[in-house]
Amino acid sequence: MGGERLHPKRTIKADSTFITKMFQKRHVLTHTEIVDQKYLDRRGDTEFRLGQRIAVHTSEIKRFVEAVKAMARTFSITWSTHFKPEEVTQ
């Protein structure tokens, strides 16, 4: 991702879906660590079953960090093309 050209719409859609999934996993991890019906209803996740302990893989963490960084870069580029620096500070 470092030097590749950004494709904001493709990146934002795919990354936002993944980021949302990771935040929902984080929610389960911080409260019970056990998949509940609410999680399954929201995610439609087939990786886990009701009552199963949720897990986050190292590869997901790395992808999450890269996705957040890519979205931040895209936001920064988009923001700077629409607003002049003096408009932002006012």
N, C-alpha and C. Protein backbone atom coordinates (compact mmCIF):
# COMPACT_ATOMS: atom_id res chain seq x y z
N MET A 1 0.80 -1.20 0.00
CA MET A 1 0.00 0.00 0.00
C MET A 1 0.83 1.26 0.00
N GLY A 2 2.07 1.16 0.45
CA GLY A 2 2.90 2.33 0.61
C GLY A 2 2.97 3.23 -0.59
N GLY A 3 3.44 2.71 -1.75
CA GLY A 3 3.64 3.55 -2.89
C GLY A 3 2.56 3.45 -3.95
N GLU A 4 1.54 2.62 -3.72
CA GLU A 4 0.55 2.44 -4.77
C GLU A 4 -0.41 3.63 -4.84
N ARG A 5 -0.93 3.81 -5.99
CA ARG A 5 -1.86 4.92 -6.24
C ARG A 5 -3.19 4.65 -5.53
N LEU A 6 -3.73 5.68 -4.92
CA LEU A 6 -4.99 5.53 -4.18
C LEU A 6 -6.18 5.56 -5.13
N HIS A 7 -7.12 4.71 -4.86
CA HIS A 7 -8.40 4.70 -5.56
C HIS A 7 -9.45 4.89 -4.47
N PRO A 8 -9.73 6.16 -4.10
CA PRO A 8 -10.53 6.44 -2.91
C PRO A 8 -11.85 5.70 -2.80
N LYS A 9 -12.66 5.66 -3.85
CA LYS A 9 -13.98 5.02 -3.71
C LYS A 9 -13.85 3.53 -3.45
N ARG A 10 -12.96 2.85 -4.19
CA ARG A 10 -12.78 1.42 -3.99
C ARG A 10 -12.21 1.15 -2.60
N THR A 11 -11.20 1.90 -2.21
CA THR A 11 -10.53 1.70 -0.93
C THR A 11 -11.48 1.97 0.23
N ILE A 12 -12.18 3.07 0.18
CA ILE A 12 -13.07 3.44 1.28
C ILE A 12 -14.17 2.40 1.46
N LYS A 13 -14.79 1.94 0.39
CA LYS A 13 -15.88 0.96 0.51
C LYS A 13 -15.38 -0.35 1.11
N ALA A 14 -14.33 -0.91 0.54
CA ALA A 14 -13.80 -2.19 1.03
C ALA A 14 -13.24 -2.05 2.44
N ASP A 15 -12.47 -1.00 2.67
CA ASP A 15 -11.86 -0.82 3.97
C ASP A 15 -12.87 -0.49 5.05
N SER A 16 -13.88 0.31 4.73
CA SER A 16 -14.86 0.66 5.76
C SER A 16 -15.65 -0.56 6.20
N THR A 17 -15.93 -1.46 5.28
CA THR A 17 -16.63 -2.71 5.63
C THR A 17 -15.76 -3.54 6.57
N PHE A 18 -14.48 -3.66 6.24
CA PHE A 18 -13.56 -4.43 7.08
C PHE A 18 -13.36 -3.76 8.44
N ILE A 19 -13.18 -2.46 8.45
CA ILE A 19 -12.99 -1.73 9.71
C ILE A 19 -14.21 -1.89 10.61
N THR A 20 -15.40 -1.80 10.03
CA THR A 20 -16.63 -2.01 10.80
C THR A 20 -16.64 -3.40 11.42
N LYS A 21 -16.27 -4.40 10.64
CA LYS A 21 -16.21 -5.78 11.14
C LYS A 21 -15.25 -5.87 12.33
N MET A 22 -14.10 -5.24 12.21
CA MET A 22 -13.11 -5.31 13.28
C MET A 22 -13.58 -4.60 14.54
N PHE A 23 -14.26 -3.47 14.40
CA PHE A 23 -14.79 -2.80 15.58
C PHE A 23 -15.88 -3.63 16.25
N GLN A 24 -16.67 -4.33 15.45
CA GLN A 24 -17.70 -5.20 16.04
C GLN A 24 -17.06 -6.39 16.75
N LYS A 25 -15.99 -6.92 16.19
CA LYS A 25 -15.26 -8.00 16.88
C LYS A 25 -14.67 -7.47 18.19
N ARG A 26 -14.11 -6.26 18.13
CA ARG A 26 -13.53 -5.64 19.33
C ARG A 26 -14.57 -5.51 20.42
N HIS A 27 -15.78 -5.13 20.03
CA HIS A 27 -16.86 -4.98 21.00
C HIS A 27 -17.13 -6.31 21.72
N VAL A 28 -17.23 -7.38 20.97
CA VAL A 28 -17.46 -8.69 21.57
C VAL A 28 -16.29 -9.06 22.47
N LEU A 29 -15.07 -8.83 22.00
CA LEU A 29 -13.89 -9.17 22.79
C LEU A 29 -13.84 -8.42 24.13
N THR A 30 -14.20 -7.16 24.11
CA THR A 30 -14.10 -6.37 25.34
C THR A 30 -15.22 -6.66 26.33
N HIS A 31 -16.31 -7.25 25.87
CA HIS A 31 -17.44 -7.49 26.78
C HIS A 31 -17.55 -8.94 27.24
N THR A 32 -17.55 -9.87 26.32
CA THR A 32 -17.78 -11.26 26.73
C THR A 32 -16.82 -12.26 26.09
N GLU A 33 -16.24 -11.92 24.96
CA GLU A 33 -15.41 -12.79 24.14
C GLU A 33 -16.21 -13.90 23.46
N ILE A 34 -17.52 -13.94 23.71
CA ILE A 34 -18.36 -14.99 23.17
C ILE A 34 -19.32 -14.39 22.14
N VAL A 35 -19.41 -15.02 20.97
CA VAL A 35 -20.29 -14.55 19.90
C VAL A 35 -21.73 -14.69 20.35
N ASP A 36 -22.47 -13.59 20.25
CA ASP A 36 -23.90 -13.61 20.59
C ASP A 36 -24.73 -13.40 19.33
N GLN A 37 -26.03 -13.52 19.48
CA GLN A 37 -26.93 -13.40 18.33
C GLN A 37 -26.87 -12.00 17.72
N LYS A 38 -26.71 -10.99 18.56
CA LYS A 38 -26.63 -9.61 18.07
C LYS A 38 -25.45 -9.45 17.11
N TYR A 39 -24.31 -10.03 17.47
CA TYR A 39 -23.13 -9.96 16.60
C TYR A 39 -23.42 -10.66 15.27
N LEU A 40 -23.99 -11.85 15.33
CA LEU A 40 -24.29 -12.60 14.12
C LEU A 40 -25.30 -11.86 13.24
N ASP A 41 -26.30 -11.24 13.86
CA ASP A 41 -27.30 -10.49 13.10
C ASP A 41 -26.68 -9.29 12.40
N ARG A 42 -25.81 -8.59 13.09
CA ARG A 42 -25.17 -7.40 12.52
C ARG A 42 -24.17 -7.76 11.43
N ARG A 43 -23.39 -8.79 11.65
CA ARG A 43 -22.30 -9.13 10.75
C ARG A 43 -22.69 -10.11 9.66
N GLY A 44 -23.61 -10.98 9.96
CA GLY A 44 -23.87 -12.05 9.02
C GLY A 44 -22.62 -12.91 8.86
N ASP A 45 -21.83 -12.94 9.90
CA ASP A 45 -20.52 -13.60 9.90
C ASP A 45 -20.69 -15.11 9.92
N THR A 46 -20.06 -15.79 8.99
CA THR A 46 -20.11 -17.25 8.95
C THR A 46 -18.84 -17.88 9.53
N GLU A 47 -17.90 -17.02 9.92
CA GLU A 47 -16.64 -17.51 10.49
C GLU A 47 -16.85 -18.08 11.91
N PHE A 48 -17.84 -17.52 12.62
CA PHE A 48 -18.09 -17.92 14.00
C PHE A 48 -19.53 -18.37 14.17
N ARG A 49 -19.74 -19.20 15.18
CA ARG A 49 -21.08 -19.69 15.52
C ARG A 49 -21.50 -19.10 16.86
N LEU A 50 -22.79 -19.08 17.09
CA LEU A 50 -23.35 -18.60 18.35
C LEU A 50 -22.70 -19.35 19.51
N GLY A 51 -22.22 -18.59 20.50
CA GLY A 51 -21.61 -19.18 21.68
C GLY A 51 -20.13 -19.48 21.54
N GLN A 52 -19.59 -19.31 20.37
CA GLN A 52 -18.17 -19.58 20.15
C GLN A 52 -17.34 -18.39 20.62
N ARG A 53 -16.15 -18.66 21.09
CA ARG A 53 -15.22 -17.59 21.49
C ARG A 53 -14.68 -16.93 20.22
N ILE A 54 -14.75 -15.62 20.19
CA ILE A 54 -14.30 -14.87 19.01
C ILE A 54 -12.78 -14.72 19.04
N ALA A 55 -12.19 -14.65 17.88
CA ALA A 55 -10.75 -14.50 17.77
C ALA A 55 -10.43 -13.44 16.73
N VAL A 56 -9.30 -12.79 16.92
CA VAL A 56 -8.77 -11.85 15.95
C VAL A 56 -7.38 -12.35 15.57
N HIS A 57 -7.18 -12.53 14.30
CA HIS A 57 -5.91 -13.05 13.81
C HIS A 57 -4.92 -11.92 13.57
N THR A 58 -3.65 -12.23 13.68
CA THR A 58 -2.59 -11.24 13.44
C THR A 58 -2.74 -10.59 12.08
N SER A 59 -3.09 -11.38 11.08
CA SER A 59 -3.26 -10.83 9.73
C SER A 59 -4.39 -9.80 9.68
N GLU A 60 -5.43 -10.01 10.48
CA GLU A 60 -6.53 -9.04 10.54
C GLU A 60 -6.08 -7.73 11.19
N ILE A 61 -5.27 -7.85 12.21
CA ILE A 61 -4.77 -6.65 12.89
C ILE A 61 -3.91 -5.84 11.93
N LYS A 62 -3.02 -6.52 11.21
CA LYS A 62 -2.17 -5.83 10.24
C LYS A 62 -3.02 -5.17 9.14
N ARG A 63 -4.01 -5.90 8.64
CA ARG A 63 -4.89 -5.34 7.61
C ARG A 63 -5.67 -4.15 8.15
N PHE A 64 -6.14 -4.25 9.39
CA PHE A 64 -6.89 -3.16 10.02
C PHE A 64 -6.04 -1.89 10.09
N VAL A 65 -4.80 -2.04 10.55
CA VAL A 65 -3.90 -0.88 10.66
C VAL A 65 -3.68 -0.26 9.29
N GLU A 66 -3.42 -1.09 8.29
CA GLU A 66 -3.19 -0.57 6.93
C GLU A 66 -4.45 0.08 6.37
N ALA A 67 -5.61 -0.49 6.65
CA ALA A 67 -6.87 0.08 6.16
C ALA A 67 -7.14 1.44 6.78
N VAL A 68 -6.90 1.57 8.08
CA VAL A 68 -7.10 2.86 8.75
C VAL A 68 -6.12 3.89 8.21
N LYS A 69 -4.87 3.49 8.00
CA LYS A 69 -3.88 4.41 7.44
C LYS A 69 -4.28 4.84 6.03
N ALA A 70 -4.75 3.92 5.22
CA ALA A 70 -5.17 4.24 3.84
C ALA A 70 -6.35 5.21 3.85
N MET A 71 -7.30 4.96 4.75
CA MET A 71 -8.46 5.86 4.83
C MET A 71 -8.02 7.25 5.29
N ALA A 72 -7.09 7.31 6.22
CA ALA A 72 -6.59 8.61 6.70
C ALA A 72 -5.90 9.36 5.56
N ARG A 73 -5.08 8.64 4.77
CA ARG A 73 -4.42 9.28 3.62
C ARG A 73 -5.45 9.78 2.62
N THR A 74 -6.44 8.96 2.32
CA THR A 74 -7.47 9.34 1.36
C THR A 74 -8.24 10.55 1.87
N PHE A 75 -8.58 10.54 3.15
CA PHE A 75 -9.30 11.67 3.75
C PHE A 75 -8.45 12.93 3.67
N SER A 76 -7.18 12.80 3.98
CA SER A 76 -6.28 13.95 3.96
C SER A 76 -6.17 14.54 2.55
N ILE A 77 -6.01 13.67 1.55
CA ILE A 77 -5.91 14.12 0.16
C ILE A 77 -7.21 14.78 -0.27
N THR A 78 -8.33 14.14 0.03
CA THR A 78 -9.63 14.68 -0.36
C THR A 78 -9.89 16.00 0.34
N TRP A 79 -9.60 16.06 1.62
CA TRP A 79 -9.80 17.29 2.40
C TRP A 79 -8.98 18.44 1.82
N SER A 80 -7.71 18.16 1.54
CA SER A 80 -6.83 19.23 1.08
C SER A 80 -7.17 19.71 -0.33
N THR A 81 -7.84 18.89 -1.13
CA THR A 81 -8.23 19.34 -2.46
C THR A 81 -9.51 20.18 -2.43
N HIS A 82 -10.28 20.08 -1.35
CA HIS A 82 -11.54 20.81 -1.26
C HIS A 82 -11.46 22.07 -0.42
N PHE A 83 -10.48 22.14 0.46
CA PHE A 83 -10.39 23.27 1.37
C PHE A 83 -8.98 23.86 1.34
N LYS A 84 -8.94 25.16 1.33
CA LYS A 84 -7.65 25.84 1.44
C LYS A 84 -7.25 25.84 2.91
N PRO A 85 -5.94 25.78 3.20
CA PRO A 85 -5.49 25.73 4.60
C PRO A 85 -6.09 26.83 5.47
N GLU A 86 -6.25 28.04 4.93
CA GLU A 86 -6.80 29.12 5.74
C GLU A 86 -8.28 28.90 6.08
N GLU A 87 -9.00 28.15 5.23
CA GLU A 87 -10.40 27.84 5.53
C GLU A 87 -10.52 26.85 6.68
N VAL A 88 -9.58 25.95 6.78
CA VAL A 88 -9.59 24.90 7.80
C VAL A 88 -9.32 25.48 9.18
N THR A 89 -8.44 26.47 9.28
CA THR A 89 -8.05 27.00 10.57
C THR A 89 -9.03 28.05 11.10
N GLN A 90 -9.93 28.51 10.29
CA GLN A 90 -10.87 29.55 10.75
C GLN A 90 -11.98 28.97 11.60
